[in-house]
Every structure is written in structure tokens, then in C-alpha cells.
Amino acid sequence: MTDQTAPRPDLASLTRVFLRIGCLSFGGPAAQIALMHRELVEDRPWLSEKDYLSALSFCMLLPGPEAMQLATWAGWRLQGTLGGVIAGLLFVLPGAAVVLALSAVYAGLGHVPLMAALFTGIQAAVIAVVIEALIRVSKKALRGPGARVIAAASFLALFVFNLPFPLIILVAGLWGAWAARGAVGTAPAPAPIRAGSFATLAIWGAVWLVPLGLLWGQGGLLFDIGWFFSKLAVVTFGGAYAVLAWMTQEVVAVQGWLTTGQMMAGLGLAETTPGPLILVTEFVGFMAGFAAGGWGLAVAGAVVALWMTFAPCFLWIFLGAPYVQRITAAPRLAGALAAIMAAVVGVIANLSLWFALHFLFGDLALLRLGPAHLLIPDLTSLRWPALGLALLGAVLLLRLHRPLWQVLVALAALSAGVSAGLSLI
């Protein structure tokens, strides 16, 4: 339990602190979680170390961005539901405003040669960023031969057999829960369901799904965006990188909303902003709306994508927060999460290869061998400048460990310089 003698902030203080957190939350979930720890545990005695770590474990069990959900939990713990809403929104809105502005710049100027060259450099950096994520997650998730088998199987399922990402996550989770069956005897007794849980489910379920129902009545692109990102919201385990491959496949190959290059550019833009990386969904919604109907539909698409991405997070937190201690002590859930994280390694490996092939080669062929589907690059279509940019990004980020913003700026500037030089030849 939290130390009840610790001072509780008033709403004004809570708002100021979470606004600062939202504006400074660069660098991905690890940096964001560390920032919140410093602000809420170290600098202020608002939360205990034990409660903070228990809540972090709980948020890692949930679909969606764990850092945003941890912020929402902290706000709820300090000032109830209103505090949770304030903390969650302030964690997201500063970054969302920046992504909206960058999306507008990309939509309006992305076809200009200079801007196109800048975004090519950003795409090159994205390959190194995804590989870095693959290495980081592998170190945490691949503990033992069983986890390596799950990772390899998930990679083959996606890259070779083109199986749906939600199916892979479901199978991995069920396997992990079954494999942990021997520890069931140590699980705590189920906690009684609180009376307010049903009201919480009804209210926040309505916040999420009623707007989707209204869009369904109208049909069209906005409903398609809302429906897709609602599905995405319930399978986003293991961070944004885990679902980017499925998102890319769906929005590029199935829906035709974006190109692979645009998806990579959106990921690069989201990497430069505060807030969770899953804000890339806002970019996707904006670009899909812009292509279909101009600026008005673009903004509407961005809003719908944001709503369907983050509204479920409040439901998960407010519904599960009273049961954190019980949930985090359940062996089957821990086993399911461990298996899902191992599968995520294979998913991110698939994403790395997918992005690299589309960025480095001009022509790709799809080879079908029964149920298998293999992307085969035309080696003569290798883009040598793109290869040079990607290798430089890998050296700067993975070998020299330069900050991400420096890598993005360096590659964008170099790409623009190379493009200008080639245009003069």
C-alpha cells in the first residue's frame, strides 16, 4: 500500500508537474518512465518506490503505451479519476500537437525536392532506430531457448507466412499462460469485484466506443480509421514497434492510405516529439484523410486515430487500478507477458527487415511458394545513397551512441546535401 502519510498534491500542482512531464517526455518509454520516477518518487514524496514499480508492472501487462498508462495511473492514485484524466491527457497532448504540425508540413511540402531529401534522411535513421529497439528488447525478452523459439516462430509467421499480428500475440500469450500453469498454486486468491467497477466499465467503454458507433452510422473513411485503430488498441503489447509491422502492412498494402516511405517518415517524426511513439497513429490518420479529402478530413482523421488509440488506455487503467497488487502477482499473467515479449522480438525483426528492403531497393518481387510469401529484392535496384545513409545512421546510433535527435539532423542534412549535389551534375 501507498504510504498514507505522504503529502498529496492539489490539482493545480498535479497539473503543473504532468504538463512538464508531457513537454519533456522525449526518448521513448524507458526515458519517460525514468522522468516520471524522478518527478513523482525522487523529487516529490508523492508515490512510494514499491507502488510505482508495481504500477509499472501492471501497465506492462496492458495493451497500449505503458508510459502514458503509468502517468494515468499516477494521476488516479494522487487525485482520483480526474487526476488520472489530467495526467494522461497532459502526457499525450503536447506531443500530439507537435505531430499534427509536422504532419501538416509533410503533407504540404513533402513533395518539394528539398523536403523530400530531408525526409529520406529521416527514413534512413528509422532503420537504425528499429534495429536499436530490436537489440534492446532482445536483451530483456530472450531469456532461455524457449523464448528464442517463440521469437523465431513469430518472425517466420509474419515475414514468411503473412499471418495476422493479433493471432501471433494471442497464441504467444496463451502458450505463456499455459506454460506457467505449474506456478498457479502460488497465485493470490481472486480479489472481489468492486461495485464501482461496473460503472467504470460502462462509462469508459462508452467514451471509447460510442464515437465509433456514431462513425459507423456515417460510414466512410473516418469509420475505417476508427475501426482499425480500435482493433490496434487491444493488441498493442510490447510497445509501438510491435504493431508497426502490422500497421504498415494494413495501411500500405491493404487500405492503401500511405506508402511505405510515408510510414517510415511518420515514424521518424514521432521519434522526434515528446510523448509515446504510438502517436504515429495520428500521422497515419492525418495522411489518410489528407489523401482522401484535403485538410479538413486530414485533421478529422488525426483526431479519430488519437481518440481510438488512447481512449481505451483510460478504460484499462481505471478498471484495473484498484486490483494492481493482485494482477501483478498472478503467475499466469506474468507467463503470458513473457511469451508475448519474446514474440515481440520476432515482430520487430520482421519490421526491421521490411523497412530495410523497401528503403534500400527500388524493386521488390513477391515469391509465392504454397502458403509462404517471400519478398525478393532486385539487387540491381539497390539505392547506393540510401545504403550509405542507413550505414551511417547505424554507426552513429548503435556504435557511437549519439542522441537520436543528432542522428536525425545529421542524416537529414546529409541527404539534402547529396540530393542538391546530384541535381547540379
Protein backbone atom coordinates (compact mmCIF):
# COMPACT_ATOMS: atom_id res chain seq x y z
CA MET A 1 0.00 0.00 0.00
CA THR A 2 1.00 3.60 -0.55
CA ASP A 3 2.24 5.48 2.48
CA GLN A 4 -0.88 7.29 3.54
CA THR A 5 1.16 9.93 5.39
CA ALA A 6 2.81 11.12 2.17
CA PRO A 7 1.54 14.55 1.10
CA ARG A 8 -0.97 14.55 -1.74
CA PRO A 9 -0.76 17.31 -4.35
CA ASP A 10 -3.69 19.53 -5.17
CA LEU A 11 -4.99 19.55 -8.73
CA ALA A 12 -3.05 22.69 -9.65
CA SER A 13 0.27 21.17 -8.55
CA LEU A 14 -0.51 17.89 -10.24
CA THR A 15 -1.38 19.70 -13.47
CA ARG A 16 1.85 21.70 -13.46
CA VAL A 17 4.02 18.63 -12.88
CA PHE A 18 2.34 16.48 -15.53
CA LEU A 19 2.41 19.32 -18.04
CA ARG A 20 6.17 19.48 -17.53
CA ILE A 21 6.42 15.71 -17.87
CA GLY A 22 4.38 15.81 -21.08
CA CYS A 23 6.57 18.50 -22.62
CA LEU A 24 9.85 16.80 -21.64
CA SER A 25 8.97 13.15 -22.33
CA PHE A 26 11.37 12.55 -25.20
CA GLY A 27 13.41 9.41 -25.79
CA GLY A 28 10.93 6.56 -25.69
CA PRO A 29 9.25 4.73 -22.81
CA ALA A 30 12.42 3.98 -20.83
CA ALA A 31 13.36 7.66 -20.66
CA GLN A 32 9.75 8.67 -19.98
CA ILE A 33 9.38 6.18 -17.13
CA ALA A 34 12.66 7.40 -15.63
CA LEU A 35 11.49 11.02 -15.93
CA MET A 36 8.25 10.26 -14.09
CA HIS A 37 10.15 8.36 -11.42
CA ARG A 38 12.35 11.36 -10.78
CA GLU A 39 9.41 13.77 -10.69
CA LEU A 40 6.97 11.67 -8.66
CA VAL A 41 9.15 9.47 -6.43
CA GLU A 42 12.56 11.13 -6.04
CA ASP A 43 11.89 14.89 -6.19
CA ARG A 44 8.48 14.72 -4.51
CA PRO A 45 7.26 12.15 -1.97
CA TRP A 46 4.01 11.67 -3.86
CA LEU A 47 4.45 7.97 -4.64
CA SER A 48 6.43 5.21 -2.98
CA GLU A 49 9.02 3.17 -4.86
CA LYS A 50 7.04 0.00 -4.28
CA ASP A 51 3.77 1.43 -5.60
CA TYR A 52 5.49 2.96 -8.62
CA LEU A 53 7.17 -0.32 -9.61
CA SER A 54 4.01 -2.35 -9.01
CA ALA A 55 2.05 0.03 -11.22
CA LEU A 56 4.76 -0.18 -13.90
CA SER A 57 4.48 -3.97 -13.90
CA PHE A 58 0.71 -3.65 -14.19
CA CYS A 59 0.97 -1.24 -17.14
CA MET A 60 3.34 -3.60 -18.93
CA LEU A 61 0.63 -6.26 -18.81
CA LEU A 62 -1.80 -3.97 -20.63
CA PRO A 63 -2.17 -3.24 -24.33
CA GLY A 64 -1.16 0.29 -25.26
CA PRO A 65 1.67 2.69 -24.36
CA GLU A 66 2.87 1.74 -20.88
CA ALA A 67 4.41 5.15 -20.10
CA MET A 68 1.16 7.01 -20.85
CA GLN A 69 -0.80 4.47 -18.82
CA LEU A 70 1.66 4.77 -15.94
CA ALA A 71 1.13 8.54 -15.97
CA THR A 72 -2.64 7.97 -15.92
CA TRP A 73 -2.31 5.56 -13.00
CA ALA A 74 -0.15 8.05 -11.08
CA GLY A 75 -2.73 10.79 -11.60
CA TRP A 76 -5.50 8.42 -10.48
CA ARG A 77 -3.51 7.38 -7.39
CA LEU A 78 -2.95 11.00 -6.40
CA GLN A 79 -6.26 12.65 -7.29
CA GLY A 80 -8.74 10.00 -8.37
CA THR A 81 -10.31 9.75 -11.81
CA LEU A 82 -10.00 13.46 -12.55
CA GLY A 83 -6.31 13.36 -11.71
CA GLY A 84 -5.88 10.34 -13.97
CA VAL A 85 -7.60 12.08 -16.88
CA ILE A 86 -5.46 15.20 -16.43
CA ALA A 87 -2.21 13.24 -16.17
CA GLY A 88 -3.00 11.02 -19.15
CA LEU A 89 -4.06 13.88 -21.39
CA LEU A 90 -1.10 16.05 -20.50
CA PHE A 91 1.25 13.18 -21.27
CA VAL A 92 -0.20 12.89 -24.78
CA LEU A 93 -1.37 16.35 -25.90
CA PRO A 94 1.98 18.22 -26.20
CA GLY A 95 3.39 15.53 -28.46
CA ALA A 96 0.10 15.26 -30.36
CA ALA A 97 0.20 18.99 -31.13
CA VAL A 98 3.75 18.69 -32.48
CA VAL A 99 2.91 15.61 -34.56
CA LEU A 100 -0.11 17.43 -36.02
CA ALA A 101 2.07 20.36 -37.05
CA LEU A 102 4.76 18.10 -38.53
CA SER A 103 2.12 16.07 -40.37
CA ALA A 104 0.80 19.26 -41.95
CA VAL A 105 4.32 20.24 -43.03
CA TYR A 106 4.90 16.80 -44.51
CA ALA A 107 1.55 16.76 -46.34
CA GLY A 108 2.05 20.27 -47.73
CA LEU A 109 5.76 20.21 -48.55
CA GLY A 110 6.79 16.56 -48.66
CA HIS A 111 6.81 16.59 -52.47
CA VAL A 112 9.22 19.54 -52.65
CA PRO A 113 12.66 18.13 -53.61
CA LEU A 114 14.48 19.65 -50.63
CA MET A 115 11.87 18.44 -48.14
CA ALA A 116 11.74 15.03 -49.81
CA ALA A 117 15.51 14.72 -49.39
CA LEU A 118 15.26 15.70 -45.72
CA PHE A 119 12.63 13.04 -45.10
CA THR A 120 14.77 10.46 -46.90
CA GLY A 121 17.45 11.08 -44.27
CA ILE A 122 14.84 10.65 -41.55
CA GLN A 123 13.77 7.32 -43.08
CA ALA A 124 17.39 6.15 -43.05
CA ALA A 125 17.58 6.94 -39.34
CA VAL A 126 14.39 4.98 -38.72
CA ILE A 127 16.08 1.74 -39.82
CA ALA A 128 18.80 2.22 -37.19
CA VAL A 129 16.19 3.16 -34.58
CA VAL A 130 14.17 0.00 -35.17
CA ILE A 131 17.31 -2.16 -35.05
CA GLU A 132 18.25 -0.48 -31.76
CA ALA A 133 14.79 -1.32 -30.41
CA LEU A 134 15.26 -4.91 -31.55
CA ILE A 135 18.56 -5.21 -29.66
CA ARG A 136 17.13 -3.56 -26.53
CA VAL A 137 14.02 -5.76 -26.39
CA SER A 138 16.02 -8.91 -27.20
CA LYS A 139 18.25 -8.42 -24.16
CA LYS A 140 15.20 -8.27 -21.90
CA ALA A 141 12.95 -10.85 -23.52
CA LEU A 142 15.16 -13.66 -24.83
CA ARG A 143 15.96 -15.45 -21.60
CA GLY A 144 16.31 -19.11 -22.44
CA PRO A 145 15.84 -21.32 -25.51
CA GLY A 146 12.05 -21.30 -25.21
CA ALA A 147 11.90 -17.53 -25.66
CA ARG A 148 14.23 -17.75 -28.68
CA VAL A 149 11.98 -20.36 -30.29
CA ILE A 150 8.94 -18.12 -29.79
CA ALA A 151 10.81 -15.15 -31.30
CA ALA A 152 11.92 -17.14 -34.35
CA ALA A 153 8.44 -18.57 -34.84
CA SER A 154 6.80 -15.15 -34.68
CA PHE A 155 9.29 -13.80 -37.24
CA LEU A 156 8.58 -16.63 -39.67
CA ALA A 157 4.84 -16.35 -39.09
CA LEU A 158 4.92 -12.69 -40.13
CA PHE A 159 7.63 -12.45 -42.75
CA VAL A 160 7.16 -15.80 -44.48
CA PHE A 161 3.55 -16.81 -43.87
CA ASN A 162 2.00 -13.35 -43.50
CA LEU A 163 -0.12 -14.39 -40.52
CA PRO A 164 -2.10 -11.67 -38.69
CA PHE A 165 -0.26 -9.94 -35.87
CA PRO A 166 -3.19 -10.27 -33.38
CA LEU A 167 -3.16 -14.04 -33.93
CA ILE A 168 0.56 -14.22 -33.11
CA ILE A 169 0.10 -12.23 -29.90
CA LEU A 170 -2.91 -14.36 -28.89
CA VAL A 171 -1.08 -17.65 -29.45
CA ALA A 172 2.04 -16.43 -27.63
CA GLY A 173 0.01 -15.22 -24.67
CA LEU A 174 -1.97 -18.46 -24.41
CA TRP A 175 1.22 -20.50 -24.62
CA GLY A 176 2.89 -18.41 -21.93
CA ALA A 177 -0.10 -18.72 -19.62
CA TRP A 178 -0.28 -22.50 -20.16
CA ALA A 179 3.47 -22.90 -19.60
CA ALA A 180 3.15 -21.08 -16.25
CA ARG A 181 0.49 -23.49 -15.01
CA GLY A 182 2.91 -25.07 -12.53
CA ALA A 183 3.04 -21.83 -10.54
CA VAL A 184 -0.71 -21.48 -10.16
CA GLY A 185 -0.57 -22.64 -6.57
CA THR A 186 1.35 -19.51 -5.62
CA ALA A 187 -1.24 -17.17 -7.13
CA PRO A 188 -3.18 -14.91 -4.75
CA ALA A 189 -6.87 -15.50 -4.19
CA PRO A 190 -9.07 -13.57 -6.64
CA ALA A 191 -9.97 -10.13 -5.37
CA PRO A 192 -13.68 -9.39 -5.00
CA ILE A 193 -15.07 -7.19 -7.78
CA ARG A 194 -15.76 -3.70 -6.53
CA ALA A 195 -19.22 -2.26 -7.09
CA GLY A 196 -17.81 0.74 -8.94
CA SER A 197 -16.04 -1.43 -11.50
CA PHE A 198 -19.24 -1.97 -13.50
CA ALA A 199 -19.89 1.76 -13.67
CA THR A 200 -16.27 2.35 -14.70
CA LEU A 201 -16.60 -0.24 -17.47
CA ALA A 202 -19.84 1.32 -18.72
CA ILE A 203 -18.63 4.93 -18.63
CA TRP A 204 -15.18 4.49 -20.16
CA GLY A 205 -16.35 1.82 -22.56
CA ALA A 206 -18.88 4.36 -23.81
CA VAL A 207 -16.20 7.07 -24.06
CA TRP A 208 -14.25 4.75 -26.34
CA LEU A 209 -16.97 3.03 -28.37
CA VAL A 210 -19.89 5.48 -28.67
CA PRO A 211 -17.91 7.78 -31.03
CA LEU A 212 -17.01 4.68 -33.07
CA GLY A 213 -20.71 3.78 -33.25
CA LEU A 214 -21.55 7.28 -34.48
CA LEU A 215 -18.88 6.98 -37.17
CA TRP A 216 -20.27 3.56 -38.14
CA GLY A 217 -23.63 5.18 -38.77
CA GLN A 218 -21.98 7.55 -41.25
CA GLY A 219 -19.57 5.04 -42.79
CA GLY A 220 -16.68 6.13 -44.96
CA LEU A 221 -13.02 6.73 -44.24
CA LEU A 222 -13.36 8.07 -40.69
CA PHE A 223 -15.12 4.91 -39.57
CA ASP A 224 -12.46 2.78 -41.29
CA ILE A 225 -9.75 4.71 -39.41
CA GLY A 226 -11.63 4.42 -36.12
CA TRP A 227 -12.30 0.71 -36.53
CA PHE A 228 -8.71 -0.10 -37.45
CA PHE A 229 -7.17 1.82 -34.56
CA SER A 230 -9.72 0.40 -32.13
CA LYS A 231 -8.53 -3.08 -33.10
CA LEU A 232 -4.94 -1.91 -32.79
CA ALA A 233 -5.60 -0.61 -29.27
CA VAL A 234 -6.35 -4.06 -27.89
CA VAL A 235 -3.29 -5.84 -29.35
CA THR A 236 -0.54 -3.24 -28.79
CA PHE A 237 1.52 -5.32 -26.38
CA GLY A 238 5.26 -4.72 -26.17
CA GLY A 239 5.29 -1.12 -27.36
CA ALA A 240 4.64 0.66 -30.64
CA TYR A 241 7.36 -1.19 -32.54
CA ALA A 242 5.49 -4.44 -32.01
CA VAL A 243 2.46 -3.30 -34.03
CA LEU A 244 4.21 -1.12 -36.60
CA ALA A 245 4.72 -4.04 -38.99
CA TRP A 246 1.03 -4.93 -38.89
CA MET A 247 0.06 -1.26 -39.07
CA THR A 248 2.35 -0.73 -42.05
CA GLN A 249 1.02 -3.81 -43.83
CA GLU A 250 -2.58 -2.76 -43.21
CA VAL A 251 -2.36 0.93 -44.09
CA VAL A 252 0.01 0.41 -47.05
CA ALA A 253 -0.83 -2.93 -48.68
CA VAL A 254 -4.48 -3.39 -47.65
CA GLN A 255 -6.01 0.07 -47.22
CA GLY A 256 -3.64 1.99 -49.48
CA TRP A 257 -3.74 5.01 -47.17
CA LEU A 258 0.06 5.58 -47.15
CA THR A 259 3.19 4.40 -48.90
CA THR A 260 5.95 2.56 -47.03
CA GLY A 261 8.13 5.67 -47.34
CA GLN A 262 5.43 7.83 -45.77
CA MET A 263 5.03 5.33 -42.93
CA MET A 264 8.77 5.46 -42.25
CA ALA A 265 8.72 9.25 -42.35
CA GLY A 266 5.84 9.30 -39.88
CA LEU A 267 7.75 7.05 -37.50
CA GLY A 268 10.77 9.34 -37.76
CA LEU A 269 8.63 12.38 -36.98
CA ALA A 270 7.03 10.65 -34.00
CA GLU A 271 10.51 9.78 -32.70
CA THR A 272 11.39 13.49 -32.52
CA THR A 273 8.39 14.53 -30.42
CA PRO A 274 7.55 14.23 -26.72
CA GLY A 275 5.01 11.64 -25.72
CA PRO A 276 4.54 7.98 -26.71
CA LEU A 277 5.81 6.70 -30.06
CA ILE A 278 2.34 5.35 -30.83
CA LEU A 279 1.48 8.95 -31.74
CA VAL A 280 2.50 7.77 -35.21
CA THR A 281 -1.16 6.68 -35.47
CA GLU A 282 -2.08 10.37 -35.56
CA PHE A 283 0.20 10.84 -38.57
CA VAL A 284 -1.41 7.87 -40.31
CA GLY A 285 -4.90 9.22 -39.71
CA PHE A 286 -3.86 12.67 -40.93
CA MET A 287 -2.23 11.41 -44.12
CA ALA A 288 -5.12 9.06 -44.91
CA GLY A 289 -7.60 11.91 -44.52
CA PHE A 290 -5.44 14.34 -46.49
CA ALA A 291 -5.14 11.98 -49.45
CA ALA A 292 -8.89 11.34 -49.47
CA GLY A 293 -10.30 14.80 -48.82
CA GLY A 294 -7.79 17.53 -48.06
CA TRP A 295 -7.03 19.45 -44.90
CA GLY A 296 -10.39 19.19 -43.12
CA LEU A 297 -10.60 15.42 -43.46
CA ALA A 298 -6.92 15.19 -42.52
CA VAL A 299 -7.49 16.85 -39.15
CA ALA A 300 -10.61 14.75 -38.56
CA GLY A 301 -8.66 11.58 -39.39
CA ALA A 302 -5.91 12.56 -36.95
CA VAL A 303 -8.45 13.21 -34.17
CA VAL A 304 -10.23 9.89 -34.75
CA ALA A 305 -6.91 7.99 -34.73
CA LEU A 306 -5.88 9.69 -31.50
CA TRP A 307 -9.21 9.01 -29.82
CA MET A 308 -9.31 5.33 -30.72
CA THR A 309 -5.67 4.87 -29.72
CA PHE A 310 -5.79 6.50 -26.29
CA ALA A 311 -9.39 6.33 -25.03
CA PRO A 312 -9.03 2.57 -24.30
CA CYS A 313 -5.97 3.34 -22.13
CA PHE A 314 -8.17 5.19 -19.63
CA LEU A 315 -10.55 2.23 -19.54
CA TRP A 316 -7.76 -0.27 -18.81
CA ILE A 317 -6.28 1.90 -16.04
CA PHE A 318 -9.44 2.99 -14.26
CA LEU A 319 -10.88 -0.53 -14.42
CA GLY A 320 -7.75 -2.36 -13.30
CA ALA A 321 -6.01 0.12 -11.00
CA PRO A 322 -7.80 -0.98 -7.79
CA TYR A 323 -6.53 -4.53 -8.39
CA VAL A 324 -2.87 -3.77 -9.20
CA GLN A 325 -1.37 -5.83 -6.41
CA ARG A 326 -3.45 -8.90 -7.25
CA ILE A 327 -2.94 -8.65 -11.01
CA THR A 328 0.84 -8.24 -10.87
CA ALA A 329 1.16 -11.27 -8.57
CA ALA A 330 -0.67 -13.64 -10.95
CA PRO A 331 1.82 -16.19 -12.40
CA ARG A 332 -0.25 -16.94 -15.50
CA LEU A 333 -0.34 -13.27 -16.49
CA ALA A 334 3.39 -12.97 -15.94
CA GLY A 335 3.95 -16.06 -18.09
CA ALA A 336 1.71 -14.69 -20.83
CA LEU A 337 3.55 -11.37 -20.82
CA ALA A 338 6.97 -13.07 -21.00
CA ALA A 339 5.87 -15.11 -24.03
CA ILE A 340 4.36 -12.07 -25.71
CA MET A 341 7.56 -10.10 -25.20
CA ALA A 342 9.55 -12.95 -26.79
CA ALA A 343 7.16 -12.89 -29.75
CA VAL A 344 7.61 -9.13 -30.00
CA VAL A 345 11.32 -9.70 -30.71
CA GLY A 346 10.38 -11.61 -33.85
CA VAL A 347 7.81 -8.98 -34.74
CA ILE A 348 10.37 -6.16 -34.52
CA ALA A 349 12.87 -8.24 -36.53
CA ASN A 350 10.24 -8.52 -39.25
CA LEU A 351 9.67 -4.78 -39.09
CA SER A 352 13.41 -4.08 -39.41
CA LEU A 353 13.74 -6.26 -42.49
CA TRP A 354 10.54 -4.89 -44.04
CA PHE A 355 11.65 -1.29 -43.69
CA ALA A 356 15.22 -2.02 -44.86
CA LEU A 357 14.09 -3.81 -48.02
CA HIS A 358 11.64 -1.08 -49.01
CA PHE A 359 14.12 1.71 -48.27
CA LEU A 360 17.20 0.20 -49.89
CA PHE A 361 15.71 -1.33 -53.05
CA GLY A 362 13.63 0.21 -55.78
CA ASP A 363 12.05 -3.06 -56.93
CA LEU A 364 10.75 -5.96 -54.82
CA ALA A 365 9.09 -9.12 -56.08
CA LEU A 366 6.71 -11.33 -54.10
CA LEU A 367 7.60 -15.02 -54.45
CA ARG A 368 4.78 -17.42 -53.54
CA LEU A 369 5.62 -20.98 -52.51
CA GLY A 370 2.38 -22.53 -51.32
CA PRO A 371 1.45 -20.78 -48.05
CA ALA A 372 4.81 -18.99 -47.93
CA HIS A 373 5.27 -15.46 -49.28
CA LEU A 374 8.79 -14.09 -49.66
CA LEU A 375 9.87 -10.58 -50.56
CA ILE A 376 12.78 -10.85 -53.00
CA PRO A 377 14.71 -7.64 -53.80
CA ASP A 378 16.05 -6.91 -57.27
CA LEU A 379 19.73 -6.46 -56.45
CA THR A 380 20.23 -4.19 -59.47
CA SER A 381 17.74 -1.72 -57.94
CA LEU A 382 19.87 -1.12 -54.83
CA ARG A 383 19.88 2.58 -53.92
CA TRP A 384 23.51 3.23 -53.04
CA PRO A 385 22.95 6.68 -51.43
CA ALA A 386 20.22 5.14 -49.26
CA LEU A 387 22.58 2.33 -48.23
CA GLY A 388 25.25 4.85 -47.27
CA LEU A 389 22.78 6.86 -45.18
CA ALA A 390 21.49 3.72 -43.43
CA LEU A 391 25.01 2.53 -42.59
CA LEU A 392 25.97 5.94 -41.26
CA GLY A 393 22.85 6.02 -39.11
CA ALA A 394 23.69 2.58 -37.71
CA VAL A 395 27.23 3.70 -36.84
CA LEU A 396 26.08 6.94 -35.20
CA LEU A 397 23.27 5.39 -33.17
CA LEU A 398 24.45 1.86 -32.44
CA ARG A 399 28.22 2.23 -32.35
CA LEU A 400 28.88 5.83 -31.29
CA HIS A 401 25.63 6.07 -29.26
CA ARG A 402 24.83 9.59 -30.41
CA PRO A 403 21.49 11.06 -29.26
CA LEU A 404 18.63 10.31 -31.64
CA TRP A 405 17.96 13.95 -32.47
CA GLN A 406 21.57 14.38 -33.58
CA VAL A 407 21.34 11.31 -35.82
CA LEU A 408 18.10 12.57 -37.38
CA VAL A 409 19.51 16.03 -38.02
CA ALA A 410 22.80 14.69 -39.42
CA LEU A 411 21.18 12.23 -41.83
CA ALA A 412 18.52 14.69 -42.96
CA ALA A 413 21.16 17.36 -43.66
CA LEU A 414 23.44 14.90 -45.44
CA SER A 415 20.59 13.57 -47.54
CA ALA A 416 19.61 17.11 -48.55
CA GLY A 417 23.24 17.89 -49.42
CA VAL A 418 23.62 14.75 -51.55
CA SER A 419 20.35 15.49 -53.34
CA ALA A 420 21.41 19.06 -54.07
CA GLY A 421 24.81 17.87 -55.32
CA LEU A 422 23.29 15.29 -57.64
CA SER A 423 20.88 17.86 -59.06
CA LEU A 424 23.83 20.00 -60.12
CA ILE A 425 25.55 17.20 -62.02
